[in-house]
Amino acid sequence: MLEDQRPGTVYWIDHYVVGSDDLDRWADFQIKVLGTRPHGGGPEGRRGFILFQDITPCCHHGAMHSPDPLPRGAGLGNGLPRYGLFIRQQDIEQHLRRLDQHGVPHLDPVRTSTEGDTGISIAWQDPDGNQFEFWAPDQLPDGAMAGCTSLGVGRISHGVFESRNLQRTAEHFARFCTLEPMTSPDLPANILVLPLVGGARIIFKQVETFGQRTGGWGKLHAAHAALVVRDEDFWPSYDRMWAEVPEWEYGRERGAFVGAGPDLPARTARHGSPAGVQWFDLRGRGDDWYDWDTNCFHFVGGEPRGGSLVEYEPHTMDWHFPRYLEAQGAAAPQSQRP
């Protein structure tokens, strides 16, 4: 039933980007803890102020260099955003030994079902205070461990984000991502769980104050999560959003967005990739999008491998935009960076 879904439905989390005060330190840490590799076959996976690493063939992650010292985190197991990675339950002890070997702050394994799935969680944090989790569910989704790292780490299992109004968040993701909230007696009232088709989850926790480690605060503008839709849903998903939400004003002279923080509405915004800049110059709309609570996302098209989106070939705006121009018989605009 993986393919029998409504148009625009989200299947997986393709990648995430967090903030870091030291990209070299962050990269070295992730290699030791996760077994990651440079993204795209490059020598370091660097793209300017962002560094990317492959986790599995179907997901990667990255860090952007923070222009100012990162905001103080809420502490191990408490800060948000938090990203989870699939592991096997039989490998839990080896993961714990590796965390201890490298001096990684972590919590003891805990069995839980409070975030929409049943399994064993190990919360840990990187040297920048970003929050992560090894997630060993009782039942691994198909493809969760496909192409796992040499250290036994699979693809992205979930992302946990801040929300001031869970109902408003649920309505936003139902409208623009075709996601419906999970209902379960195990779910606390302050948690919203949005199951993805492939078996991952997007989770929101009710908060009163923000940790300010998300893109909507302006400085960590590249901090985001990328959500996988079918290739044929890539443009319709954006068209629906561009028709209904405003654009975050971008000041070219300063090379920065105008305003920041939680008082701004849900919106789209200029994406910093080459194709994202060209698309913005052509249409005046961005392919990043923000919810009501400073969390940043963008869509990635997925081309099924072997006839199913259990595994997929990711297609970002850099892939879709040239094909859009070809179909329209148009030429790419000259970039107006910054």
Protein backbone atom coordinates (compact mmCIF):
# COMPACT_ATOMS: atom_id res chain seq x y z
CA MET A 1 0.00 0.00 0.00
CA LEU A 2 3.06 2.27 0.00
CA GLU A 3 2.11 3.72 -3.40
CA ASP A 4 -1.66 3.92 -2.80
CA GLN A 5 -1.61 7.36 -1.21
CA ARG A 6 -3.23 10.73 -1.75
CA PRO A 7 -1.28 13.26 -3.86
CA GLY A 8 1.21 15.26 -1.83
CA THR A 9 1.63 12.70 0.93
CA VAL A 10 5.03 12.72 2.65
CA TYR A 11 6.92 9.40 2.64
CA TRP A 12 10.22 9.97 4.44
CA ILE A 13 12.55 12.58 5.91
CA ASP A 14 15.31 12.85 3.30
CA HIS A 15 17.72 14.97 5.34
CA TYR A 16 18.10 17.52 8.09
CA VAL A 17 20.53 20.36 8.83
CA VAL A 18 21.47 21.60 12.31
CA GLY A 19 23.63 24.46 13.52
CA SER A 20 27.26 24.09 14.60
CA ASP A 21 29.97 26.33 16.00
CA ASP A 22 32.70 24.17 14.45
CA LEU A 23 32.01 22.22 11.24
CA ASP A 24 35.25 20.23 11.33
CA ARG A 25 34.53 19.09 14.88
CA TRP A 26 30.94 18.25 13.97
CA ALA A 27 31.96 16.20 10.93
CA ASP A 28 34.60 14.24 12.81
CA PHE A 29 32.17 13.54 15.63
CA GLN A 30 29.45 12.23 13.31
CA ILE A 31 31.88 9.96 11.46
CA LYS A 32 32.91 8.36 14.76
CA VAL A 33 29.39 8.08 16.18
CA LEU A 34 27.32 7.30 13.08
CA GLY A 35 29.79 6.09 10.48
CA THR A 36 28.77 8.79 8.01
CA ARG A 37 30.52 9.55 4.71
CA PRO A 38 31.01 12.79 2.71
CA HIS A 39 27.85 13.59 0.78
CA GLY A 40 27.79 13.22 -2.98
CA GLY A 41 31.21 11.65 -3.28
CA GLY A 42 33.04 14.95 -2.69
CA PRO A 43 36.20 15.16 -0.59
CA GLU A 44 34.48 16.75 2.39
CA GLY A 45 30.83 17.24 1.47
CA ARG A 46 31.17 21.01 1.94
CA ARG A 47 29.03 23.62 0.23
CA GLY A 48 30.20 26.96 1.54
CA PHE A 49 29.06 27.34 5.13
CA ILE A 50 27.23 23.97 5.10
CA LEU A 51 28.72 20.50 5.38
CA PHE A 52 26.75 17.43 4.31
CA GLN A 53 27.30 13.75 5.08
CA ASP A 54 25.59 10.62 3.77
CA ILE A 55 24.00 8.32 6.34
CA THR A 56 22.37 5.81 3.98
CA PRO A 57 21.78 5.90 0.20
CA CYS A 58 18.33 7.34 0.94
CA CYS A 59 19.15 9.96 3.56
CA HIS A 60 21.85 12.38 4.62
CA HIS A 61 22.36 15.16 7.13
CA GLY A 62 24.30 18.36 7.49
CA ALA A 63 25.39 21.24 9.67
CA MET A 64 25.62 24.94 8.94
CA HIS A 65 28.21 27.15 10.57
CA SER A 66 26.43 29.44 13.00
CA PRO A 67 27.30 33.13 12.44
CA ASP A 68 27.05 33.68 16.21
CA PRO A 69 27.59 31.26 19.11
CA LEU A 70 24.67 28.85 19.21
CA PRO A 71 21.91 29.53 21.72
CA ARG A 72 22.28 27.58 24.94
CA GLY A 73 20.55 24.22 24.67
CA ALA A 74 17.87 22.92 27.01
CA GLY A 75 20.02 19.96 28.01
CA LEU A 76 20.35 16.31 27.16
CA GLY A 77 17.05 14.78 26.12
CA ASN A 78 15.16 18.06 26.41
CA GLY A 79 16.22 20.37 23.58
CA LEU A 80 14.42 20.66 20.25
CA PRO A 81 14.66 20.00 17.38
CA ARG A 82 15.65 16.38 18.00
CA TYR A 83 16.36 13.91 15.21
CA GLY A 84 16.14 10.13 15.48
CA LEU A 85 17.97 7.42 13.56
CA PHE A 86 16.91 3.80 13.22
CA ILE A 87 19.00 1.06 14.82
CA ARG A 88 18.33 -2.63 15.49
CA GLN A 89 17.41 -3.69 19.01
CA GLN A 90 20.02 -6.45 19.00
CA ASP A 91 22.71 -3.80 18.40
CA ILE A 92 21.86 -1.56 21.36
CA GLU A 93 24.81 -2.64 23.50
CA GLN A 94 27.35 -1.96 20.74
CA HIS A 95 25.89 1.52 20.20
CA LEU A 96 26.13 2.23 23.93
CA ARG A 97 29.76 1.10 23.99
CA ARG A 98 30.57 3.39 21.07
CA LEU A 99 28.89 6.38 22.71
CA ASP A 100 30.88 5.74 25.88
CA GLN A 101 34.10 5.18 23.92
CA HIS A 102 33.84 8.64 22.38
CA GLY A 103 32.58 10.38 25.51
CA VAL A 104 29.17 11.19 24.03
CA PRO A 105 26.65 12.43 26.61
CA HIS A 106 23.67 10.08 26.51
CA LEU A 107 20.78 8.77 28.56
CA ASP A 108 20.22 5.13 29.43
CA PRO A 109 18.07 3.12 27.03
CA VAL A 110 14.38 3.48 27.81
CA ARG A 111 11.41 1.58 26.51
CA THR A 112 8.69 3.98 25.41
CA SER A 113 5.58 4.46 23.31
CA THR A 114 4.90 8.11 24.12
CA GLU A 115 5.85 9.46 20.67
CA GLY A 116 3.71 7.25 18.48
CA ASP A 117 5.72 4.04 18.19
CA THR A 118 6.88 1.34 20.59
CA GLY A 119 10.54 0.60 21.02
CA ILE A 120 13.76 1.51 22.81
CA SER A 121 15.21 5.02 22.75
CA ILE A 122 18.74 6.23 23.48
CA ALA A 123 18.95 10.02 23.65
CA TRP A 124 22.34 11.66 23.02
CA GLN A 125 23.78 14.99 21.99
CA ASP A 126 26.60 16.27 19.80
CA PRO A 127 29.34 18.72 20.92
CA ASP A 128 27.13 21.65 19.88
CA GLY A 129 24.27 20.54 22.11
CA ASN A 130 22.09 19.38 19.21
CA GLN A 131 19.76 16.59 20.28
CA PHE A 132 19.68 13.15 18.67
CA GLU A 133 18.26 9.74 19.39
CA PHE A 134 18.94 6.17 18.41
CA TRP A 135 15.54 4.59 17.86
CA ALA A 136 15.13 0.80 17.96
CA PRO A 137 11.44 0.07 17.31
CA ASP A 138 9.87 -3.29 18.01
CA GLN A 139 9.15 -3.52 14.30
CA LEU A 140 11.50 -1.82 11.84
CA PRO A 141 9.79 -0.36 8.75
CA ASP A 142 10.75 -1.77 5.37
CA GLY A 143 13.91 -0.04 4.19
CA ALA A 144 14.77 1.44 7.59
CA MET A 145 18.19 -0.24 7.65
CA ALA A 146 18.79 -0.49 3.89
CA GLY A 147 22.34 0.65 3.18
CA CYS A 148 23.00 1.29 6.87
CA THR A 149 26.39 2.65 7.91
CA SER A 150 29.32 0.45 8.86
CA LEU A 151 28.37 1.18 12.48
CA GLY A 152 24.82 -0.12 12.07
CA VAL A 153 22.95 3.20 11.84
CA GLY A 154 19.96 3.38 9.51
CA ARG A 155 17.92 6.16 7.98
CA ILE A 156 16.16 9.04 9.72
CA SER A 157 13.35 7.71 11.92
CA HIS A 158 11.78 10.95 13.12
CA GLY A 159 12.14 14.62 13.84
CA VAL A 160 10.73 16.33 16.93
CA PHE A 161 9.89 20.03 16.69
CA GLU A 162 8.41 22.86 18.75
CA SER A 163 4.81 24.06 18.46
CA ARG A 164 2.78 26.59 20.42
CA ASN A 165 -0.53 25.36 19.03
CA LEU A 166 -0.78 21.69 18.12
CA GLN A 167 -4.17 22.04 16.44
CA ARG A 168 -2.91 24.79 14.16
CA THR A 169 0.18 22.71 13.37
CA ALA A 170 -1.97 19.66 12.57
CA GLU A 171 -4.16 21.69 10.22
CA HIS A 172 -1.11 23.13 8.45
CA PHE A 173 0.45 19.73 7.79
CA ALA A 174 -2.87 18.19 6.82
CA ARG A 175 -3.36 20.90 4.22
CA PHE A 176 0.13 21.04 2.73
CA CYS A 177 1.59 17.58 3.43
CA THR A 178 -1.55 15.40 3.44
CA LEU A 179 -0.64 14.09 6.89
CA GLU A 180 -3.16 13.09 9.54
CA PRO A 181 -2.46 12.99 13.29
CA MET A 182 -2.04 9.68 15.05
CA THR A 183 -4.60 8.91 17.73
CA SER A 184 -3.52 6.67 20.60
CA PRO A 185 -4.21 6.47 24.34
CA ASP A 186 -0.43 6.33 24.84
CA LEU A 187 0.07 9.83 23.41
CA PRO A 188 0.29 12.66 25.95
CA ALA A 189 -1.91 15.67 25.29
CA ASN A 190 1.13 17.87 24.60
CA ILE A 191 2.41 15.74 21.68
CA LEU A 192 1.29 15.62 18.04
CA VAL A 193 2.50 12.68 15.95
CA LEU A 194 2.24 12.72 12.15
CA PRO A 195 3.10 9.28 10.73
CA LEU A 196 4.79 9.27 7.33
CA VAL A 197 3.98 6.66 4.72
CA GLY A 198 7.37 4.92 4.87
CA GLY A 199 7.34 4.46 8.64
CA ALA A 200 9.11 7.59 9.89
CA ARG A 201 7.37 10.27 11.99
CA ILE A 202 7.16 14.04 12.33
CA ILE A 203 6.48 14.90 15.96
CA PHE A 204 5.58 18.21 17.59
CA LYS A 205 5.71 19.07 21.28
CA GLN A 206 3.72 21.89 22.84
CA VAL A 207 6.08 24.58 24.16
CA GLU A 208 5.79 27.97 25.80
CA THR A 209 9.29 29.16 24.89
CA PHE A 210 11.58 28.40 21.95
CA GLY A 211 15.11 27.05 21.88
CA GLN A 212 15.90 29.32 18.90
CA ARG A 213 17.81 26.64 16.97
CA THR A 214 15.46 26.70 13.98
CA GLY A 215 15.60 28.55 10.67
CA GLY A 216 12.81 30.99 11.44
CA TRP A 217 14.97 32.99 13.82
CA GLY A 218 16.99 34.24 10.88
CA LYS A 219 20.55 33.33 11.82
CA LEU A 220 20.38 29.55 11.34
CA HIS A 221 18.52 30.04 8.08
CA ALA A 222 19.79 26.74 6.64
CA ALA A 223 18.56 24.65 9.58
CA HIS A 224 15.71 22.56 8.21
CA ALA A 225 14.28 19.14 7.44
CA ALA A 226 13.52 17.93 3.90
CA LEU A 227 10.37 15.88 3.29
CA VAL A 228 9.99 13.33 0.50
CA VAL A 229 6.98 13.40 -1.82
CA ARG A 230 6.52 11.57 -5.10
CA ASP A 231 8.25 13.25 -8.03
CA GLU A 232 4.90 13.94 -9.70
CA ASP A 233 3.70 15.69 -6.53
CA PHE A 234 6.70 18.02 -6.23
CA TRP A 235 5.31 20.98 -8.20
CA PRO A 236 1.64 20.53 -7.16
CA SER A 237 2.68 20.50 -3.51
CA TYR A 238 4.50 23.79 -3.95
CA ASP A 239 1.75 25.31 -6.11
CA ARG A 240 -0.77 24.68 -3.34
CA MET A 241 1.49 26.33 -0.79
CA TRP A 242 2.41 29.31 -3.00
CA ALA A 243 -1.30 29.94 -3.58
CA GLU A 244 -2.15 30.10 0.10
CA VAL A 245 0.76 31.40 2.20
CA PRO A 246 2.83 34.60 1.91
CA GLU A 247 6.48 34.92 0.97
CA TRP A 248 9.09 35.90 3.56
CA GLU A 249 10.49 39.21 2.32
CA TYR A 250 14.13 38.94 1.29
CA GLY A 251 16.36 42.03 1.43
CA ARG A 252 18.91 41.75 -1.36
CA GLU A 253 21.05 44.66 -0.17
CA ARG A 254 21.67 42.99 3.19
CA GLY A 255 21.43 39.46 1.85
CA ALA A 256 19.01 38.61 4.65
CA PHE A 257 15.34 38.10 5.34
CA VAL A 258 13.30 40.96 6.77
CA GLY A 259 12.19 40.20 10.31
CA ALA A 260 12.42 36.91 12.18
CA GLY A 261 10.94 34.96 15.03
CA PRO A 262 7.62 33.41 16.02
CA ASP A 263 5.45 36.45 15.24
CA LEU A 264 5.77 35.81 11.50
CA PRO A 265 3.13 33.62 9.86
CA ALA A 266 3.59 30.33 8.04
CA ARG A 267 5.31 31.26 4.78
CA THR A 268 7.62 30.26 1.95
CA ALA A 269 11.14 31.63 1.59
CA ARG A 270 14.04 31.89 -0.83
CA HIS A 271 16.16 28.74 -0.71
CA GLY A 272 19.92 29.25 -0.92
CA SER A 273 20.72 26.49 -3.41
CA PRO A 274 21.64 27.55 -6.97
CA ALA A 275 18.30 26.38 -8.35
CA GLY A 276 16.45 27.83 -5.37
CA VAL A 277 17.95 31.25 -6.05
CA GLN A 278 17.14 31.01 -9.76
CA TRP A 279 13.57 29.93 -9.07
CA PHE A 280 13.11 32.85 -6.69
CA ASP A 281 14.51 35.24 -9.29
CA LEU A 282 12.13 33.80 -11.90
CA ARG A 283 8.91 33.55 -9.88
CA GLY A 284 9.45 35.58 -6.74
CA ARG A 285 8.66 32.58 -4.54
CA GLY A 286 10.91 30.36 -2.48
CA ASP A 287 11.00 26.59 -2.08
CA ASP A 288 11.80 26.66 1.62
CA TRP A 289 8.68 26.78 3.75
CA TYR A 290 8.03 27.54 7.40
CA ASP A 291 5.29 26.46 9.74
CA TRP A 292 3.82 28.82 12.35
CA ASP A 293 6.57 28.08 14.87
CA THR A 294 9.87 28.90 13.08
CA ASN A 295 10.46 25.33 11.83
CA CYS A 296 11.80 25.20 8.27
CA PHE A 297 11.18 22.48 5.67
CA HIS A 298 11.34 21.89 1.94
CA PHE A 299 10.13 19.16 -0.37
CA VAL A 300 12.27 16.58 -2.16
CA GLY A 301 10.85 14.54 -5.01
CA GLY A 302 11.36 10.80 -4.82
CA GLU A 303 11.77 8.47 -7.80
CA PRO A 304 11.02 4.89 -6.70
CA ARG A 305 13.78 2.31 -6.81
CA GLY A 306 12.52 -1.13 -7.72
CA GLY A 307 8.99 0.16 -8.16
CA SER A 308 8.53 1.35 -4.58
CA LEU A 309 9.36 4.38 -2.45
CA VAL A 310 10.70 2.09 0.25
CA GLU A 311 13.92 3.21 -1.44
CA TYR A 312 14.10 6.18 -3.79
CA GLU A 313 16.30 8.46 -5.84
CA PRO A 314 16.05 11.97 -4.32
CA HIS A 315 15.33 14.88 -6.66
CA THR A 316 15.67 18.38 -5.20
CA MET A 317 14.88 21.71 -6.86
CA ASP A 318 18.29 21.46 -8.55
CA TRP A 319 16.92 18.45 -10.47
CA HIS A 320 13.36 19.68 -11.02
CA PHE A 321 14.10 23.27 -12.06
CA PRO A 322 16.02 22.56 -15.31
CA ARG A 323 13.27 20.17 -16.37
CA TYR A 324 10.67 22.82 -15.61
CA LEU A 325 12.54 25.30 -17.81
CA GLU A 326 12.82 22.75 -20.60
CA ALA A 327 9.10 22.02 -20.46
CA GLN A 328 8.32 25.75 -20.54
CA GLY A 329 10.84 26.49 -23.28
CA ALA A 330 12.41 29.10 -21.01
CA ALA A 331 15.95 30.05 -20.04
CA ALA A 332 17.28 30.25 -16.51
CA PRO A 333 17.41 33.82 -15.16
CA GLN A 334 20.72 35.41 -14.29
CA SER A 335 21.29 35.05 -10.57
CA GLN A 336 20.85 38.21 -8.51
CA ARG A 337 22.86 37.04 -5.53
CA PRO A 338 23.11 37.79 -2.72
